[in-house]
Protein backbone atom coordinates (compact mmCIF):
# COMPACT_ATOMS: atom_id res chain seq x y z
CA MET A 1 -40.02 -5.71 65.98
CA VAL A 2 -36.41 -4.89 66.90
CA LYS A 3 -35.19 -7.85 64.83
CA ASP A 4 -37.31 -6.75 61.88
CA TYR A 5 -35.79 -3.25 61.81
CA ARG A 6 -32.29 -4.71 62.23
CA ARG A 7 -32.80 -7.16 59.35
CA ARG A 8 -34.29 -4.47 57.09
CA PHE A 9 -31.42 -2.11 57.91
CA TRP A 10 -28.64 -4.58 57.09
CA ILE A 11 -30.26 -5.80 53.87
CA CYS A 12 -30.89 -2.23 52.70
CA LEU A 13 -27.38 -1.15 53.67
CA VAL A 14 -25.86 -3.89 51.49
CA ILE A 15 -28.06 -2.81 48.56
CA THR A 16 -27.17 0.84 49.18
CA ILE A 17 -23.48 0.32 48.34
CA PRO A 18 -24.00 -0.43 44.61
CA ILE A 19 -26.66 2.29 44.45
CA LEU A 20 -24.13 4.82 45.72
CA LEU A 21 -21.48 3.61 43.27
CA LEU A 22 -23.91 3.81 40.34
CA SER A 23 -25.22 7.28 41.23
CA PRO A 24 -23.88 10.01 38.93
CA MET A 25 -23.36 12.54 41.74
CA ILE A 26 -21.41 10.08 43.91
CA GLN A 27 -19.32 9.06 40.90
CA GLN A 28 -18.50 12.71 40.33
CA VAL A 29 -17.58 13.27 44.00
CA LEU A 30 -15.35 10.17 44.00
CA GLY A 31 -13.73 11.24 40.72
CA LEU A 32 -14.82 8.10 38.90
CA GLY A 33 -16.05 9.96 35.84
CA GLU A 34 -18.11 7.58 33.74
CA ARG A 35 -16.18 4.40 34.58
CA LEU A 36 -19.14 2.71 36.24
CA ARG A 37 -21.70 3.77 33.65
CA PHE A 38 -22.94 1.21 31.16
CA ALA A 39 -26.00 0.65 28.99
CA GLY A 40 -28.94 0.24 31.32
CA HIS A 41 -27.19 1.40 34.50
CA LEU A 42 -30.13 3.69 35.30
CA TYR A 43 -32.52 0.74 35.10
CA LEU A 44 -30.32 -1.23 37.49
CA LEU A 45 -30.25 1.81 39.78
CA PHE A 46 -34.05 1.99 39.56
CA GLY A 47 -34.42 -1.73 40.35
CA LEU A 48 -32.09 -1.69 43.36
CA SER A 49 -33.67 1.50 44.68
CA SER A 50 -37.12 -0.05 44.28
CA VAL A 51 -36.09 -2.88 46.60
CA VAL A 52 -34.90 -0.41 49.24
CA PHE A 53 -37.99 1.78 48.81
CA PHE A 54 -40.52 -1.04 49.11
CA TYR A 55 -38.68 -3.36 51.52
CA GLY A 56 -36.87 -0.82 53.70
CA GLY A 57 -39.57 1.82 53.43
CA TYR A 58 -42.42 -0.57 54.22
CA PRO A 59 -42.58 0.18 57.98
CA PHE A 60 -42.74 3.91 57.23
CA LEU A 61 -45.33 3.56 54.47
CA LYS A 62 -47.41 1.30 56.75
CA GLY A 63 -47.07 3.85 59.57
CA PHE A 64 -48.14 6.60 57.17
CA ALA A 65 -51.29 4.64 56.28
CA SER A 66 -52.08 4.20 59.97
CA GLU A 67 -51.47 7.88 60.75
CA THR A 68 -53.64 8.89 57.80
CA ARG A 69 -56.53 6.66 58.91
CA LYS A 70 -56.33 8.18 62.40
CA ARG A 71 -56.02 11.69 60.91
CA HIS A 72 -53.00 12.21 63.12
CA PRO A 73 -49.91 12.81 60.94
CA GLY A 74 -46.54 12.27 62.55
CA MET A 75 -42.99 11.19 61.83
CA MET A 76 -44.03 8.28 59.59
CA THR A 77 -45.96 10.72 57.40
CA LEU A 78 -42.93 12.98 57.05
CA ILE A 79 -40.60 10.10 56.18
CA SER A 80 -43.11 8.57 53.74
CA VAL A 81 -43.67 11.83 51.90
CA ALA A 82 -39.91 12.33 51.54
CA ILE A 83 -39.09 8.83 50.29
CA THR A 84 -42.15 8.62 48.03
CA THR A 85 -41.35 11.97 46.44
CA ALA A 86 -37.71 11.01 45.84
CA TYR A 87 -38.68 7.59 44.47
CA GLY A 88 -41.51 8.85 42.27
CA TYR A 89 -39.57 11.74 40.76
CA SER A 90 -36.39 9.70 40.22
CA SER A 91 -38.39 6.89 38.62
CA ALA A 92 -40.02 9.38 36.26
CA VAL A 93 -36.55 10.69 35.30
CA VAL A 94 -35.34 7.15 34.54
CA PHE A 95 -38.32 6.61 32.25
CA GLY A 96 -38.07 9.85 30.31
CA LEU A 97 -38.69 12.95 32.43
CA SER A 98 -35.94 15.53 32.17
CA GLY A 99 -34.13 16.04 35.47
CA LYS A 100 -31.76 14.50 38.00
CA ILE A 101 -32.21 11.29 39.91
CA PHE A 102 -32.31 11.19 43.70
CA PHE A 103 -32.00 7.48 44.36
CA TRP A 104 -28.92 7.76 46.56
CA GLU A 105 -30.66 10.34 48.73
CA LEU A 106 -33.68 8.05 48.95
CA VAL A 107 -31.75 4.96 50.04
CA THR A 108 -29.53 6.78 52.53
CA LEU A 109 -32.62 8.37 54.10
CA VAL A 110 -34.28 4.95 54.40
CA ASP A 111 -31.08 3.50 55.91
CA ILE A 112 -30.76 6.33 58.44
CA MET A 113 -34.42 6.05 59.45
CA LEU A 114 -34.19 2.27 59.79
CA ILE A 115 -31.12 2.40 62.03
CA GLY A 116 -32.69 5.21 64.05
CA HIS A 117 -35.88 3.25 64.66
CA TRP A 118 -33.91 0.07 65.38
CA LEU A 119 -31.78 1.82 68.02
CA GLU A 120 -34.80 3.60 69.49
CA MET A 121 -36.74 0.35 69.85
CA LYS A 122 -33.71 -1.42 71.29
CA SER A 123 -33.23 1.27 73.93
CA LEU A 124 -36.95 1.32 74.77
CA MET A 125 -36.90 -2.45 75.25
CA GLY A 126 -33.89 -2.11 77.56
CA ALA A 127 -35.56 0.65 79.57
CA SER A 128 -38.74 -1.39 79.82
CA ARG A 129 -36.82 -4.41 81.12
CA ALA A 130 -35.03 -2.23 83.68
CA LEU A 131 -38.36 -0.85 84.94
CA GLU A 132 -39.77 -4.36 85.23
CA GLU A 133 -36.72 -5.39 87.26
CA LEU A 134 -37.15 -2.40 89.57
CA ALA A 135 -40.83 -3.24 90.03
CA ARG A 136 -39.86 -6.78 91.09
CA LEU A 137 -37.57 -5.36 93.78
CA MET A 138 -40.39 -3.42 95.41
CA PRO A 139 -41.74 -5.00 98.60
CA SER A 140 -45.31 -6.24 98.54
CA ASP A 141 -46.12 -4.50 101.86
CA ALA A 142 -45.35 -0.96 102.97
CA HIS A 143 -45.21 0.28 106.55
CA LYS A 144 -45.72 3.82 107.75
CA VAL A 145 -43.72 5.01 110.75
CA MET A 146 -45.98 7.11 112.97
CA GLU A 147 -44.81 10.09 115.11
CA ASP A 148 -44.76 7.91 118.22
CA GLY A 149 -42.46 5.41 116.47
CA SER A 150 -45.08 2.74 115.91
CA LEU A 151 -45.59 1.05 112.55
CA ARG A 152 -48.83 1.02 110.74
């Protein structure tokens, strides 16, 4: 599981770089103007963001489905609602709806959530191993010292 989150994070991070460079707001912040815009750049942005949404967002969407079945919403529900809303609305804008796209927000949120879950799982695995090691150090027998100094 730790390896899966790590792999998903690194793949999505690599895909995030061109998404950021193609995003109009990031281009404006970096002072690039329209240098990186070309015919069909929004479709490329949509395609790259789709990969991050479906591949990187899969663990969260799967967790959302599980939480929904159990009728116990949690963090996966929150993340899934956020990324699905950003993806759905931005996709609609690419295909004709009037508005702004939020693909860079979507992919950075997925990246942050992936690295957060990766680090959390890694630390939990380390803590679990440490507890197992402590349990191995415990003696199999325990003795109680009585008031008279005898052992029981």
